[in-house]
Amino acid sequence: MITFKEEELQLLPNQGHCNLNYLLKKGDKKYHVRKFRLADRDRKLEFKIQKLAHKKGIAAQPLHLNDSFMIGEFIEGEHLSKLSYKEIRKLAYTIKKLHCIKLRKKPVLFSKAKKFKKELVLCHGDLNVKNIIFGKKVKLIDWEYAGIYDKYFDLASICKEFKFTKVDETYFLRAYGDKINFKKLEVYKEIYEVLYKQWFKKLENGELAFL
């Protein structure tokens, strides 16, 4: 069990919308302390998924969970908004590893995409640029929206977040190892954009359930 006093916590400069993120130093070790704000998330499931992702080398090791916060190892790296082809390739490999993790859970489906064949996998569900850290390896953080989706939800999220051109998208999907279905990708980009706007509207209107 890692214990700490509030004055030991250092607020990190890059904050998300739904958590407060701190750096905790204990001797020569660094930890990430994430204080929860959203009240409607399944934290035990999140912890389990992050443990599975850590075993694949694509997430920090989660160490402790309670109703208020999660403690995990601290990841060194940076958030990027524009990617080189080398970084696109590394990100594609990371997402492929994520999508190979097995998990039994009811899938999230979208009626707008019902005409396409379902390709259900474990997805991160919130791949905005602040949840991707580029260092020696590419690692993903903030797993609170992870679950079973069509794999194109994550793929489309990345294409939207990094503003990929068609050339970038082709390179990314080929590095991922997928047969490219641009029609399906476009539909999931639309789904992601609608959900993104709806979520921020709820945030601005105070409609999200906060602790």
C-alpha atoms as a PDB file:
ATOM      1  CA  MET A   1       0.000   0.000   0.000  1.00  0.00           C
ATOM      2  CA  ILE A   2       1.359   3.413  -1.019  1.00  0.00           C
ATOM      3  CA  THR A   3       0.514   6.117   1.490  1.00  0.00           C
ATOM      4  CA  PHE A   4       0.962   9.851   1.054  1.00  0.00           C
ATOM      5  CA  LYS A   5       0.056  13.244   2.460  1.00  0.00           C
ATOM      6  CA  GLU A   6      -1.784  15.814   0.376  1.00  0.00           C
ATOM      7  CA  GLU A   7       1.183  18.207   0.472  1.00  0.00           C
ATOM      8  CA  GLU A   8       3.328  15.541  -1.257  1.00  0.00           C
ATOM      9  CA  LEU A   9       1.215  15.720  -4.405  1.00  0.00           C
ATOM     10  CA  GLN A  10       2.342  17.868  -7.325  1.00  0.00           C
ATOM     11  CA  LEU A  11      -0.420  18.873  -9.760  1.00  0.00           C
ATOM     12  CA  LEU A  12       0.588  17.909 -13.295  1.00  0.00           C
ATOM     13  CA  PRO A  13       0.467  20.597 -16.027  1.00  0.00           C
ATOM     14  CA  ASN A  14      -1.556  18.532 -18.525  1.00  0.00           C
ATOM     15  CA  GLN A  15      -4.968  17.936 -16.970  1.00  0.00           C
ATOM     16  CA  GLY A  16      -7.952  16.100 -18.438  1.00  0.00           C
ATOM     17  CA  HIS A  17     -11.583  17.091 -18.009  1.00  0.00           C
ATOM     18  CA  CYS A  18     -12.688  14.293 -15.700  1.00  0.00           C
ATOM     19  CA  ASN A  19      -9.814  13.704 -13.280  1.00  0.00           C
ATOM     20  CA  LEU A  20      -7.216  15.576 -11.287  1.00  0.00           C
ATOM     21  CA  ASN A  21      -3.735  14.231 -12.019  1.00  0.00           C
ATOM     22  CA  TYR A  22      -0.783  14.429  -9.641  1.00  0.00           C
ATOM     23  CA  LEU A  23       2.835  13.357  -9.479  1.00  0.00           C
ATOM     24  CA  LEU A  24       3.864  11.648  -6.254  1.00  0.00           C
ATOM     25  CA  LYS A  25       7.561  11.159  -5.469  1.00  0.00           C
ATOM     26  CA  LYS A  26       8.639   8.574  -2.913  1.00  0.00           C
ATOM     27  CA  GLY A  27      12.422   8.345  -2.703  1.00  0.00           C
ATOM     28  CA  ASP A  28      13.632   7.588  -6.219  1.00  0.00           C
ATOM     29  CA  LYS A  29      10.218   6.336  -7.367  1.00  0.00           C
ATOM     30  CA  LYS A  30       7.532   8.331  -9.176  1.00  0.00           C
ATOM     31  CA  TYR A  31       3.821   7.572  -9.099  1.00  0.00           C
ATOM     32  CA  HIS A  32       0.786   8.930 -10.903  1.00  0.00           C
ATOM     33  CA  VAL A  33      -2.147   9.707  -8.599  1.00  0.00           C
ATOM     34  CA  ARG A  34      -5.443  10.229 -10.417  1.00  0.00           C
ATOM     35  CA  LYS A  35      -8.280  11.656  -8.333  1.00  0.00           C
ATOM     36  CA  PHE A  36     -11.653  10.766  -9.827  1.00  0.00           C
ATOM     37  CA  ARG A  37     -14.318  13.334 -10.659  1.00  0.00           C
ATOM     38  CA  LEU A  38     -16.884  11.359 -12.669  1.00  0.00           C
ATOM     39  CA  ALA A  39     -19.342   9.355 -10.588  1.00  0.00           C
ATOM     40  CA  ASP A  40     -20.723   6.954 -13.213  1.00  0.00           C
ATOM     41  CA  ARG A  41     -17.609   4.947 -14.117  1.00  0.00           C
ATOM     42  CA  ASP A  42     -16.908   1.313 -13.238  1.00  0.00           C
ATOM     43  CA  ARG A  43     -13.516   1.787 -11.570  1.00  0.00           C
ATOM     44  CA  LYS A  44     -12.948  -1.898 -10.822  1.00  0.00           C
ATOM     45  CA  LEU A  45     -13.417  -2.704 -14.500  1.00  0.00           C
ATOM     46  CA  GLU A  46     -11.119   0.179 -15.454  1.00  0.00           C
ATOM     47  CA  PHE A  47      -8.446  -1.122 -13.069  1.00  0.00           C
ATOM     48  CA  LYS A  48      -8.786  -4.640 -14.518  1.00  0.00           C
ATOM     49  CA  ILE A  49      -8.507  -3.407 -18.109  1.00  0.00           C
ATOM     50  CA  GLN A  50      -5.470  -1.280 -17.323  1.00  0.00           C
ATOM     51  CA  LYS A  51      -3.779  -4.286 -15.720  1.00  0.00           C
ATOM     52  CA  LEU A  52      -4.385  -6.279 -18.905  1.00  0.00           C
ATOM     53  CA  ALA A  53      -3.044  -3.408 -21.009  1.00  0.00           C
ATOM     54  CA  HIS A  54       0.024  -3.125 -18.775  1.00  0.00           C
ATOM     55  CA  LYS A  55       0.798  -6.793 -19.394  1.00  0.00           C
ATOM     56  CA  LYS A  56       0.827  -5.959 -23.112  1.00  0.00           C
ATOM     57  CA  GLY A  57       3.264  -3.104 -22.462  1.00  0.00           C
ATOM     58  CA  ILE A  58       0.865  -0.340 -23.529  1.00  0.00           C
ATOM     59  CA  ALA A  59      -0.198   1.143 -20.177  1.00  0.00           C
ATOM     60  CA  ALA A  60       1.180   2.099 -16.789  1.00  0.00           C
ATOM     61  CA  GLN A  61       0.981  -0.537 -14.092  1.00  0.00           C
ATOM     62  CA  PRO A  62      -2.001   0.210 -11.826  1.00  0.00           C
ATOM     63  CA  LEU A  63      -1.019  -0.297  -8.173  1.00  0.00           C
ATOM     64  CA  HIS A  64      -3.862   0.787  -5.930  1.00  0.00           C
ATOM     65  CA  LEU A  65      -7.549   1.648  -6.290  1.00  0.00           C
ATOM     66  CA  ASN A  66     -10.169   3.043  -3.944  1.00  0.00           C
ATOM     67  CA  ASP A  67     -13.387   5.027  -4.387  1.00  0.00           C
ATOM     68  CA  SER A  68     -11.552   8.351  -4.695  1.00  0.00           C
ATOM     69  CA  PHE A  69      -8.357   7.736  -6.636  1.00  0.00           C
ATOM     70  CA  MET A  70      -6.074   5.325  -8.465  1.00  0.00           C
ATOM     71  CA  ILE A  71      -2.304   5.112  -8.039  1.00  0.00           C
ATOM     72  CA  GLY A  72      -0.080   3.774 -10.785  1.00  0.00           C
ATOM     73  CA  GLU A  73       3.441   3.970 -12.077  1.00  0.00           C
ATOM     74  CA  PHE A  74       4.417   7.299 -13.647  1.00  0.00           C
ATOM     75  CA  ILE A  75       5.047   7.281 -17.403  1.00  0.00           C
ATOM     76  CA  GLU A  76       7.759   9.511 -18.838  1.00  0.00           C
ATOM     77  CA  GLY A  77       6.968  10.991 -22.238  1.00  0.00           C
ATOM     78  CA  GLU A  78       5.009  13.690 -23.988  1.00  0.00           C
ATOM     79  CA  HIS A  79       1.667  14.379 -25.645  1.00  0.00           C
ATOM     80  CA  LEU A  80       1.882  15.124 -29.361  1.00  0.00           C
ATOM     81  CA  SER A  81      -0.661  16.762 -31.654  1.00  0.00           C
ATOM     82  CA  LYS A  82       1.243  16.148 -34.903  1.00  0.00           C
ATOM     83  CA  LEU A  83       2.918  12.835 -35.721  1.00  0.00           C
ATOM     84  CA  SER A  84       5.776  11.733 -37.933  1.00  0.00           C
ATOM     85  CA  TYR A  85       5.318   8.523 -39.910  1.00  0.00           C
ATOM     86  CA  LYS A  86       7.529   6.734 -37.405  1.00  0.00           C
ATOM     87  CA  GLU A  87       5.223   7.873 -34.589  1.00  0.00           C
ATOM     88  CA  ILE A  88       2.118   6.924 -36.590  1.00  0.00           C
ATOM     89  CA  ARG A  89       3.562   3.446 -37.057  1.00  0.00           C
ATOM     90  CA  LYS A  90       4.372   3.077 -33.341  1.00  0.00           C
ATOM     91  CA  LEU A  91       0.868   4.234 -32.430  1.00  0.00           C
ATOM     92  CA  ALA A  92      -0.689   1.757 -34.866  1.00  0.00           C
ATOM     93  CA  TYR A  93       1.277  -1.121 -33.283  1.00  0.00           C
ATOM     94  CA  THR A  94       0.109  -0.012 -29.833  1.00  0.00           C
ATOM     95  CA  ILE A  95      -3.557   0.048 -30.873  1.00  0.00           C
ATOM     96  CA  LYS A  96      -3.192  -3.372 -32.496  1.00  0.00           C
ATOM     97  CA  LYS A  97      -1.871  -4.778 -29.200  1.00  0.00           C
ATOM     98  CA  LEU A  98      -4.815  -3.243 -27.374  1.00  0.00           C
ATOM     99  CA  HIS A  99      -7.322  -4.728 -29.790  1.00  0.00           C
ATOM    100  CA  CYS A 100      -5.870  -8.217 -29.262  1.00  0.00           C
ATOM    101  CA  ILE A 101      -6.670  -8.192 -25.516  1.00  0.00           C
ATOM    102  CA  LYS A 102      -9.537 -10.531 -24.635  1.00  0.00           C
ATOM    103  CA  LEU A 103     -12.337  -9.274 -22.399  1.00  0.00           C
ATOM    104  CA  ARG A 104     -15.911 -10.399 -21.901  1.00  0.00           C
ATOM    105  CA  LYS A 105     -18.273  -7.465 -21.688  1.00  0.00           C
ATOM    106  CA  LYS A 106     -21.467  -6.283 -23.362  1.00  0.00           C
ATOM    107  CA  PRO A 107     -20.492  -4.325 -26.498  1.00  0.00           C
ATOM    108  CA  VAL A 108     -21.295  -0.705 -27.259  1.00  0.00           C
ATOM    109  CA  LEU A 109     -23.022  -0.604 -30.650  1.00  0.00           C
ATOM    110  CA  PHE A 110     -24.055   2.288 -32.876  1.00  0.00           C
ATOM    111  CA  SER A 111     -27.114   2.106 -35.147  1.00  0.00           C
ATOM    112  CA  LYS A 112     -25.454   4.391 -37.698  1.00  0.00           C
ATOM    113  CA  ALA A 113     -22.880   1.655 -38.372  1.00  0.00           C
ATOM    114  CA  LYS A 114     -25.244  -1.343 -38.422  1.00  0.00           C
ATOM    115  CA  LYS A 115     -24.785  -1.899 -42.177  1.00  0.00           C
ATOM    116  CA  PHE A 116     -21.141  -2.818 -41.609  1.00  0.00           C
ATOM    117  CA  LYS A 117     -19.784  -6.120 -40.351  1.00  0.00           C
ATOM    118  CA  LYS A 118     -19.140  -5.957 -36.596  1.00  0.00           C
ATOM    119  CA  GLU A 119     -15.457  -6.216 -35.629  1.00  0.00           C
ATOM    120  CA  LEU A 120     -15.728  -6.102 -31.854  1.00  0.00           C
ATOM    121  CA  VAL A 121     -12.591  -5.741 -29.735  1.00  0.00           C
ATOM    122  CA  LEU A 122     -11.451  -4.152 -26.503  1.00  0.00           C
ATOM    123  CA  CYS A 123     -11.147  -0.428 -27.269  1.00  0.00           C
ATOM    124  CA  HIS A 124      -9.793   2.457 -25.225  1.00  0.00           C
ATOM    125  CA  GLY A 125     -12.838   4.542 -26.086  1.00  0.00           C
ATOM    126  CA  ASP A 126     -11.257   7.958 -25.458  1.00  0.00           C
ATOM    127  CA  LEU A 127      -8.164   8.294 -27.617  1.00  0.00           C
ATOM    128  CA  ASN A 128      -7.763  12.050 -27.514  1.00  0.00           C
ATOM    129  CA  VAL A 129      -4.211  13.401 -27.700  1.00  0.00           C
ATOM    130  CA  LYS A 130      -3.995  13.879 -23.909  1.00  0.00           C
ATOM    131  CA  ASN A 131      -4.531  10.160 -23.351  1.00  0.00           C
ATOM    132  CA  ILE A 132      -1.595   9.067 -25.530  1.00  0.00           C
ATOM    133  CA  ILE A 133       1.986   9.397 -24.275  1.00  0.00           C
ATOM    134  CA  PHE A 134       4.936   9.123 -26.657  1.00  0.00           C
ATOM    135  CA  GLY A 135       8.212   8.034 -25.081  1.00  0.00           C
ATOM    136  CA  LYS A 136      10.432   5.035 -25.693  1.00  0.00           C
ATOM    137  CA  LYS A 137       7.119   3.283 -26.249  1.00  0.00           C
ATOM    138  CA  VAL A 138       3.641   4.608 -26.938  1.00  0.00           C
ATOM    139  CA  LYS A 139       1.408   4.157 -23.894  1.00  0.00           C
ATOM    140  CA  LEU A 140      -2.228   4.946 -23.213  1.00  0.00           C
ATOM    141  CA  ILE A 141      -3.675   6.485 -20.047  1.00  0.00           C
ATOM    142  CA  ASP A 142      -7.137   7.173 -18.554  1.00  0.00           C
ATOM    143  CA  TRP A 143      -8.997   3.942 -19.273  1.00  0.00           C
ATOM    144  CA  GLU A 144     -12.360   4.948 -17.774  1.00  0.00           C
ATOM    145  CA  TYR A 145     -14.239   4.700 -21.102  1.00  0.00           C
ATOM    146  CA  ALA A 146     -12.612   1.421 -22.196  1.00  0.00           C
ATOM    147  CA  GLY A 147     -14.927  -1.350 -23.286  1.00  0.00           C
ATOM    148  CA  ILE A 148     -15.998  -3.506 -26.205  1.00  0.00           C
ATOM    149  CA  TYR A 149     -16.586  -1.471 -29.353  1.00  0.00           C
ATOM    150  CA  ASP A 150     -16.030  -1.992 -33.048  1.00  0.00           C
ATOM    151  CA  LYS A 151     -12.302  -1.520 -33.635  1.00  0.00           C
ATOM    152  CA  TYR A 152     -13.052   1.291 -36.068  1.00  0.00           C
ATOM    153  CA  PHE A 153     -14.193   3.458 -33.168  1.00  0.00           C
ATOM    154  CA  ASP A 154     -10.609   3.695 -31.873  1.00  0.00           C
ATOM    155  CA  LEU A 155      -9.156   3.917 -35.369  1.00  0.00           C
ATOM    156  CA  ALA A 156     -11.502   6.735 -36.356  1.00  0.00           C
ATOM    157  CA  SER A 157     -10.842   8.538 -33.063  1.00  0.00           C
ATOM    158  CA  ILE A 158      -7.129   8.678 -33.840  1.00  0.00           C
ATOM    159  CA  CYS A 159      -7.721   9.852 -37.405  1.00  0.00           C
ATOM    160  CA  LYS A 160      -9.913  12.690 -36.118  1.00  0.00           C
ATOM    161  CA  GLU A 161      -7.752  13.676 -33.150  1.00  0.00           C
ATOM    162  CA  PHE A 162      -4.531  13.890 -35.151  1.00  0.00           C
ATOM    163  CA  LYS A 163      -6.240  15.381 -38.225  1.00  0.00           C
ATOM    164  CA  PHE A 164      -4.836  12.711 -40.513  1.00  0.00           C
ATOM    165  CA  THR A 165      -4.867  13.239 -44.271  1.00  0.00           C
ATOM    166  CA  LYS A 166      -5.983  10.373 -46.519  1.00  0.00           C
ATOM    167  CA  VAL A 167      -2.313   9.494 -46.980  1.00  0.00           C
ATOM    168  CA  ASP A 168      -1.824   9.452 -43.193  1.00  0.00           C
ATOM    169  CA  GLU A 169      -4.941   7.323 -42.711  1.00  0.00           C
ATOM    170  CA  THR A 170      -3.772   4.808 -45.310  1.00  0.00           C
ATOM    171  CA  TYR A 171      -0.331   4.595 -43.708  1.00  0.00           C
ATOM    172  CA  PHE A 172      -1.854   4.243 -40.226  1.00  0.00           C
ATOM    173  CA  LEU A 173      -4.310   1.494 -41.180  1.00  0.00           C
ATOM    174  CA  ARG A 174      -1.692  -0.437 -43.142  1.00  0.00           C
ATOM    175  CA  ALA A 175       0.674  -0.260 -40.149  1.00  0.00           C
ATOM    176  CA  TYR A 176      -2.209  -1.462 -37.978  1.00  0.00           C
ATOM    177  CA  GLY A 177      -2.539  -4.404 -40.354  1.00  0.00           C
ATOM    178  CA  ASP A 178      -6.119  -3.831 -41.365  1.00  0.00           C
ATOM    179  CA  LYS A 179      -7.791  -4.176 -44.720  1.00  0.00           C
ATOM    180  CA  ILE A 180      -8.844  -0.594 -45.297  1.00  0.00           C
ATOM    181  CA  ASN A 181     -12.581   0.141 -45.319  1.00  0.00           C
ATOM    182  CA  PHE A 182     -12.716   3.890 -45.862  1.00  0.00           C
ATOM    183  CA  LYS A 183     -16.531   3.982 -45.924  1.00  0.00           C
ATOM    184  CA  LYS A 184     -16.681   2.393 -42.492  1.00  0.00           C
ATOM    185  CA  LEU A 185     -13.914   4.666 -41.251  1.00  0.00           C
ATOM    186  CA  GLU A 186     -15.848   7.757 -42.386  1.00  0.00           C
ATOM    187  CA  VAL A 187     -19.000   6.585 -40.588  1.00  0.00           C
ATOM    188  CA  TYR A 188     -17.105   6.011 -37.347  1.00  0.00           C
ATOM    189  CA  LYS A 189     -15.413   9.398 -37.682  1.00  0.00           C
ATOM    190  CA  GLU A 190     -18.899  10.929 -37.834  1.00  0.00           C
ATOM    191  CA  ILE A 191     -19.988   8.888 -34.799  1.00  0.00           C
ATOM    192  CA  TYR A 192     -16.927   9.994 -32.845  1.00  0.00           C
ATOM    193  CA  GLU A 193     -17.448  13.649 -33.727  1.00  0.00           C
ATOM    194  CA  VAL A 194     -21.112  13.563 -32.667  1.00  0.00           C
ATOM    195  CA  LEU A 195     -20.299  11.840 -29.357  1.00  0.00           C
ATOM    196  CA  TYR A 196     -17.435  14.271 -28.733  1.00  0.00           C
ATOM    197  CA  LYS A 197     -19.709  17.288 -29.235  1.00  0.00           C
ATOM    198  CA  GLN A 198     -22.504  15.772 -27.128  1.00  0.00           C
ATOM    199  CA  TRP A 199     -20.107  14.999 -24.278  1.00  0.00           C
ATOM    200  CA  PHE A 200     -18.677  18.510 -24.199  1.00  0.00           C
ATOM    201  CA  LYS A 201     -22.156  20.007 -24.349  1.00  0.00           C
ATOM    202  CA  LYS A 202     -23.114  17.950 -21.281  1.00  0.00           C
ATOM    203  CA  LEU A 203     -19.894  19.039 -19.575  1.00  0.00           C
ATOM    204  CA  GLU A 204     -20.604  22.722 -20.280  1.00  0.00           C
ATOM    205  CA  ASN A 205     -24.228  22.386 -19.153  1.00  0.00           C
ATOM    206  CA  GLY A 206     -23.279  20.606 -15.924  1.00  0.00           C
ATOM    207  CA  GLU A 207     -25.128  17.446 -16.954  1.00  0.00           C
ATOM    208  CA  LEU A 208     -22.316  14.985 -16.156  1.00  0.00           C
ATOM    209  CA  ALA A 209     -22.447  13.194 -12.797  1.00  0.00           C
ATOM    210  CA  PHE A 210     -19.466  14.393 -10.784  1.00  0.00           C
ATOM    211  CA  LEU A 211     -18.347  13.193  -7.373  1.00  0.00           C
END
